[in-house]
Each structure stands twice: as structure tokens, then as C-alpha cells.
């Protein structure tokens, strides 16, 4: 028969087991406490970044990136990454001032047919987009111009298709202030395809005129220029007739 276990030995084994369990519990508790401390610290950093980003940046310098949003992700390294908000649509100041239906000035390239300025059957000069000024003013205007450098009954025209929604054609007419010749008297006419006059004005170097034509139901218009009177016109002593800011509305 084997000898019975000694009471002292059993008690020692039980004591060792309890000590080991106690150490495990203490080790686990320490880890949990440390983790809780890190989480608390990270949360505090996130709150600080959201509420006082400039102060946080002053303390930690370039090791933290801060943008102004209400969402932040904090890690144990105290780095915060914030997604920028989506940009809001921008409104053009020009759109606000003029509106989407504002009239746009016509240009030479918008024309569907052209006859340059010149005597019947003779050499003509084409119409060109050009900035002009009128006598008595330094203000510059967008214009479609034609250089007249021949004497006599010089004519010319430029045609435009009328937009379906348009009801009115408007322009100012005159002679470019930069013209060497100041003697001309020019008739500006708006006509339809049957040559019916829709509007007409006469302008000189010193007197520009405004012209308005009703174009509802008119598919196409012709802007005509006819020299009524001039003196001493030549290649060096020319003048420029001008349709200034022509537009449909």
C-alpha cells in the first residue's frame, strides 16, 4: 500500500495555484486599465481637435492634420484624419447680374450672309468685330464695323437668323471716333428678306443713333449700311461704319 499524501504538500500546491491565478488576474486588469487610459486619451484628443484645432496644432505642430469638420478619427498616436466637406456650388456674379436670358451681342461669325462695304460692282471691305468709341466719349463698345475707303454710294450688309424666341432687335449705330474722315452721313437699315424696312436711322461722326426693330415672326434680318453723303474719302482718309452691341431679345 502506498503511503497517504502529506497534508503539508497539498496545502503548498493549492497556495501556488492561487498565487498564479492572482497574478493572471492582476496582469489582465493592468492591460484593461492601460487600454482604457489610451482610449480616454484618444477621445480627449479628438474632442480637443474638434473644439480647438488651432490650440492643438500649436502644441503638437505638424504631426497632426486638422480640417474643420464635425467628424474626427483618433488613434493612439494622436493623429486625426478629417474628411473635407463637399464644395458648395458657386454662383457666378455675372449670372446674378444679367440673368440667364440676357441678350448677347452678335458678332461677325454669327452672320449667315455678308456683303462687304464698297461701291456697286467694285472692291469691298469685309465686316469685322472691333472695339469702337463714339465722338464725345472715351467709352469702348463691341461693334461690327466696315471700313469705307471709296467715294460715292457705298453699300454693304450682314445677315442674321432670328432666334425663335426673339421679339426685338436692338443696336446703336454710328461712325468710329478713330476714323480719319469725319464728313460721312450713313443710313443704317434693318430689313427682312423681302427688303421691307423694319427700322432705320441716319448717323454721322458726331451723332450716333439707337435703332430698334420688331422681329417676331421674321426668320431672318439684314443689317444694311448705305453712305448718303461723304467728302474726300480715300484709302488714307477712310471711316468705319459701326453696328454697336447688336442683339436679339
Protein backbone atom coordinates (compact mmCIF):
# COMPACT_ATOMS: atom_id res chain seq x y z
CA UNK A 1 0.00 0.00 0.00
CA UNK A 2 1.19 3.49 -0.88
CA UNK A 3 1.68 5.97 1.84
CA UNK A 4 -1.06 8.68 2.16
CA UNK A 5 -0.25 12.22 0.82
CA UNK A 6 1.14 14.53 3.31
CA UNK A 7 -1.22 17.31 4.34
CA UNK A 8 1.50 19.99 4.08
CA UNK A 9 2.29 19.18 0.43
CA UNK A 10 -1.35 19.54 -0.66
CA UNK A 11 -1.65 22.87 1.03
CA UNK A 12 1.53 24.13 -0.73
CA UNK A 13 0.20 23.13 -4.17
CA UNK A 14 -3.11 24.85 -3.53
CA UNK A 15 -1.32 28.03 -2.41
CA UNK A 16 0.85 28.08 -5.57
CA UNK A 17 -2.23 27.74 -7.77
CA UNK A 18 -3.98 30.62 -6.03
CA UNK A 19 -0.90 32.83 -6.44
CA UNK A 20 -0.71 32.07 -10.15
CA UNK A 21 -4.40 32.92 -10.59
CA UNK A 22 -3.94 36.14 -8.68
CA UNK A 23 -1.02 37.15 -10.94
CA UNK A 24 -3.10 36.41 -14.07
CA UNK A 25 -5.98 38.49 -12.76
CA UNK A 26 -3.63 41.36 -11.90
CA UNK A 27 -1.99 41.16 -15.38
CA UNK A 28 -5.33 41.20 -17.20
CA UNK A 29 -6.60 44.05 -15.04
CA UNK A 30 -3.45 46.04 -15.83
CA UNK A 31 -3.93 45.55 -19.59
CA UNK A 32 -7.58 46.60 -19.39
CA UNK A 33 -6.68 49.66 -17.32
CA UNK A 34 -3.94 50.64 -19.80
CA UNK A 35 -6.26 50.21 -22.77
CA UNK A 36 -8.92 52.30 -21.08
CA UNK A 37 -6.39 55.04 -20.44
CA UNK A 38 -5.37 55.08 -24.13
CA UNK A 39 -8.96 55.20 -25.31
CA UNK A 40 -9.74 58.04 -22.91
CA UNK A 41 -6.67 59.95 -24.09
CA UNK A 42 -7.55 59.41 -27.73
CA UNK A 43 -11.09 60.62 -27.13
CA UNK A 44 -9.77 63.69 -25.35
CA UNK A 45 -7.50 64.48 -28.32
CA UNK A 46 -10.41 64.10 -30.76
CA UNK A 47 -12.58 66.43 -28.68
CA UNK A 48 -9.74 68.94 -28.43
CA UNK A 49 -9.19 68.86 -32.21
CA UNK A 50 -12.87 69.45 -32.91
CA UNK A 51 -13.36 72.22 -30.38
CA UNK A 52 -9.95 73.97 -30.51
CA UNK A 53 -8.00 72.87 -33.60
CA UNK A 54 -5.67 75.87 -33.60
CA UNK A 55 -4.66 75.26 -29.98
CA UNK A 56 -3.92 71.58 -30.70
CA UNK A 57 -1.83 72.48 -33.72
CA UNK A 58 0.21 74.94 -31.65
CA UNK A 59 1.07 72.15 -29.19
CA UNK A 60 1.83 69.19 -31.48
CA UNK A 61 2.92 71.05 -34.60
CA UNK A 62 2.85 69.29 -37.99
CA UNK A 63 2.28 65.83 -36.50
CA UNK A 64 -1.46 66.36 -36.64
CA UNK A 65 -3.65 67.28 -39.60
CA UNK A 66 -6.74 69.27 -38.79
CA UNK A 67 -9.61 70.32 -41.05
CA UNK A 68 -12.84 71.94 -39.96
CA UNK A 69 -15.49 69.21 -39.91
CA UNK A 70 -17.56 67.68 -37.16
CA UNK A 71 -16.15 64.15 -37.70
CA UNK A 72 -12.75 63.02 -36.44
CA UNK A 73 -11.00 59.63 -36.06
CA UNK A 74 -8.39 59.47 -33.30
CA UNK A 75 -5.71 56.78 -32.90
CA UNK A 76 -3.35 56.10 -30.01
CA UNK A 77 -0.66 58.10 -31.89
CA UNK A 78 -2.80 61.26 -31.53
CA UNK A 79 -3.22 61.64 -35.33
CA UNK A 80 -6.58 62.93 -36.50
CA UNK A 81 -7.83 62.46 -40.09
CA UNK A 82 -10.78 64.56 -41.16
CA UNK A 83 -12.63 64.39 -44.48
CA UNK A 84 -13.23 67.83 -46.07
CA UNK A 85 -16.83 68.81 -46.80
CA UNK A 86 -18.07 68.67 -50.37
CA UNK A 87 -17.73 72.07 -52.07
CA UNK A 88 -20.94 74.00 -52.48
CA UNK A 89 -21.94 75.14 -55.98
CA UNK A 90 -20.65 78.56 -56.85
CA UNK A 91 -22.93 81.19 -58.38
CA UNK A 92 -21.43 83.48 -60.94
CA UNK A 93 -21.73 87.15 -60.17
CA UNK A 94 -22.32 87.75 -63.87
CA UNK A 95 -25.27 85.31 -63.84
CA UNK A 96 -26.79 87.11 -60.93
CA UNK A 97 -26.32 90.50 -62.51
CA UNK A 98 -27.52 89.71 -66.04
CA UNK A 99 -29.79 86.67 -65.69
CA UNK A 100 -29.83 83.62 -67.93
CA UNK A 101 -31.93 85.32 -70.63
CA UNK A 102 -29.74 88.41 -71.03
CA UNK A 103 -29.13 89.38 -74.69
CA UNK A 104 -25.70 88.60 -76.12
CA UNK A 105 -24.13 90.89 -78.71
CA UNK A 106 -23.96 89.45 -82.21
CA UNK A 107 -20.58 89.02 -83.91
CA UNK A 108 -19.30 88.72 -87.48
CA UNK A 109 -19.01 84.93 -87.19
CA UNK A 110 -22.73 84.68 -86.30
CA UNK A 111 -23.68 86.03 -89.72
CA UNK A 112 -25.22 83.75 -92.37
CA UNK A 113 -24.57 86.05 -95.34
CA UNK A 114 -22.33 89.07 -95.88
CA UNK A 115 -21.58 91.70 -98.48
CA UNK A 116 -18.67 93.95 -97.67
CA UNK A 117 -18.66 97.75 -97.92
CA UNK A 118 -17.90 99.13 -101.34
CA UNK A 119 -19.32 100.70 -104.50
CA UNK A 120 -21.66 98.53 -106.59
CA UNK A 121 -19.60 96.06 -108.63
CA UNK A 122 -16.35 97.28 -107.06
CA UNK A 123 -13.89 96.18 -104.38
CA UNK A 124 -15.39 95.70 -100.91
CA UNK A 125 -14.05 95.53 -97.37
CA UNK A 126 -15.40 92.80 -95.08
CA UNK A 127 -17.24 93.40 -91.82
CA UNK A 128 -15.06 92.88 -88.74
CA UNK A 129 -15.55 92.61 -84.97
CA UNK A 130 -13.90 95.64 -83.41
CA UNK A 131 -13.98 97.81 -80.31
CA UNK A 132 -15.03 101.37 -81.15
CA UNK A 133 -15.67 104.69 -79.45
CA UNK A 134 -18.08 107.41 -80.48
CA UNK A 135 -17.43 111.13 -80.76
CA UNK A 136 -17.53 112.89 -77.42
CA UNK A 137 -16.82 109.75 -75.36
CA UNK A 138 -13.86 107.55 -74.44
CA UNK A 139 -16.07 104.56 -73.68
CA UNK A 140 -15.32 101.49 -75.81
CA UNK A 141 -18.12 99.38 -77.31
CA UNK A 142 -18.23 96.00 -79.01
CA UNK A 143 -19.21 96.53 -82.63
CA UNK A 144 -19.36 95.02 -86.10
CA UNK A 145 -17.59 97.52 -88.37
CA UNK A 146 -16.89 98.04 -92.04
CA UNK A 147 -14.16 100.31 -93.42
CA UNK A 148 -15.30 102.68 -96.18
CA UNK A 149 -12.44 103.97 -98.31
CA UNK A 150 -14.18 104.61 -101.64
CA UNK A 151 -16.24 107.68 -102.57
CA UNK A 152 -19.81 107.55 -103.78
CA UNK A 153 -22.83 105.42 -102.90
CA UNK A 154 -21.06 102.72 -100.92
CA UNK A 155 -23.26 99.98 -99.51
CA UNK A 156 -22.87 96.74 -97.56
CA UNK A 157 -24.88 94.34 -95.44
CA UNK A 158 -24.71 91.47 -92.99
CA UNK A 159 -27.48 88.89 -92.38
CA UNK A 160 -28.58 87.06 -89.22
CA UNK A 161 -31.08 84.31 -88.49
CA UNK A 162 -33.62 85.46 -85.91
CA UNK A 163 -33.92 83.11 -82.88
CA UNK A 164 -37.42 81.69 -82.49
CA UNK A 165 -37.82 83.23 -79.03
CA UNK A 166 -36.66 86.71 -80.10
CA UNK A 167 -39.13 89.57 -80.40
CA UNK A 168 -36.82 92.58 -80.72
CA UNK A 169 -33.54 93.57 -82.36
CA UNK A 170 -31.61 96.50 -80.88
CA UNK A 171 -28.33 98.25 -81.67
CA UNK A 172 -26.62 101.59 -81.65
CA UNK A 173 -25.29 102.85 -84.98
CA UNK A 174 -22.62 105.38 -85.79
CA UNK A 175 -19.10 106.09 -87.06
CA UNK A 176 -15.99 105.04 -85.16
CA UNK A 177 -14.32 108.04 -83.50
CA UNK A 178 -10.92 106.77 -84.68
CA UNK A 179 -11.93 107.37 -88.32
CA UNK A 180 -9.76 109.98 -90.12
CA UNK A 181 -12.73 111.10 -92.25
CA UNK A 182 -15.45 112.85 -90.27
CA UNK A 183 -17.68 114.04 -93.15
CA UNK A 184 -19.84 110.96 -93.78
CA UNK A 185 -23.57 110.66 -93.33
CA UNK A 186 -24.68 107.00 -93.22
CA UNK A 187 -28.11 105.35 -93.29
CA UNK A 188 -28.45 102.15 -91.24
CA UNK A 189 -31.45 99.92 -92.03
CA UNK A 190 -32.90 96.69 -90.66
CA UNK A 191 -34.87 94.85 -93.36
CA UNK A 192 -36.45 91.44 -93.83
CA UNK A 193 -35.81 89.05 -96.74
CA UNK A 194 -38.37 90.89 -98.89
CA UNK A 195 -36.43 94.14 -98.26
CA UNK A 196 -39.22 95.58 -96.12
CA UNK A 197 -37.77 98.16 -93.75
CA UNK A 198 -38.27 97.15 -90.10
CA UNK A 199 -36.28 100.07 -88.64
CA UNK A 200 -33.97 102.79 -89.96
CA UNK A 201 -31.71 105.56 -88.64
CA UNK A 202 -29.17 108.02 -90.03
CA UNK A 203 -25.92 108.65 -88.16
CA UNK A 204 -22.91 110.93 -88.57
CA UNK A 205 -19.48 111.19 -86.98
CA UNK A 206 -20.81 113.44 -84.23
CA UNK A 207 -24.28 111.91 -83.83
CA UNK A 208 -24.85 108.22 -83.18
CA UNK A 209 -28.38 106.78 -83.10
CA UNK A 210 -30.26 103.93 -81.44
CA UNK A 211 -32.23 101.52 -83.56
CA UNK A 212 -34.98 99.07 -82.53
CA UNK A 213 -36.86 96.63 -84.76
CA UNK A 214 -39.71 94.22 -84.02
CA UNK A 215 -38.70 90.79 -85.33
CA UNK A 216 -41.47 88.47 -84.09
CA UNK A 217 -42.27 86.02 -86.89
CA UNK A 218 -39.34 87.23 -89.03
CA UNK A 219 -36.99 84.33 -89.86
CA UNK A 220 -34.01 86.43 -90.94
CA UNK A 221 -32.92 90.07 -90.99
CA UNK A 222 -30.41 92.07 -92.96
CA UNK A 223 -28.41 94.93 -91.43
CA UNK A 224 -27.73 97.35 -94.27
CA UNK A 225 -25.38 100.32 -94.48
CA UNK A 226 -25.64 102.98 -97.20
CA UNK A 227 -23.44 106.07 -97.47
CA UNK A 228 -25.77 109.02 -98.06
CA UNK A 229 -23.08 111.69 -98.17
CA UNK A 230 -19.32 111.86 -97.85
CA UNK A 231 -16.41 114.04 -98.92
CA UNK A 232 -12.77 113.30 -99.64
CA UNK A 233 -12.97 109.59 -98.83
CA UNK A 234 -9.85 107.64 -99.82
CA UNK A 235 -7.64 104.78 -98.68
CA UNK A 236 -5.94 107.03 -96.13
CA UNK A 237 -8.96 109.20 -95.38
CA UNK A 238 -11.46 106.46 -94.56
CA UNK A 239 -14.19 106.00 -91.96
CA UNK A 240 -15.67 102.96 -90.23
CA UNK A 241 -19.42 102.48 -90.01
CA UNK A 242 -20.44 100.51 -86.93
CA UNK A 243 -23.33 98.43 -85.62
CA UNK A 244 -22.68 98.71 -81.88
CA UNK A 245 -23.82 95.96 -79.49
CA UNK A 246 -26.35 94.47 -81.94
CA UNK A 247 -28.53 91.90 -80.15
CA UNK A 248 -31.80 89.99 -80.17
CA UNK A 249 -34.02 89.90 -77.11
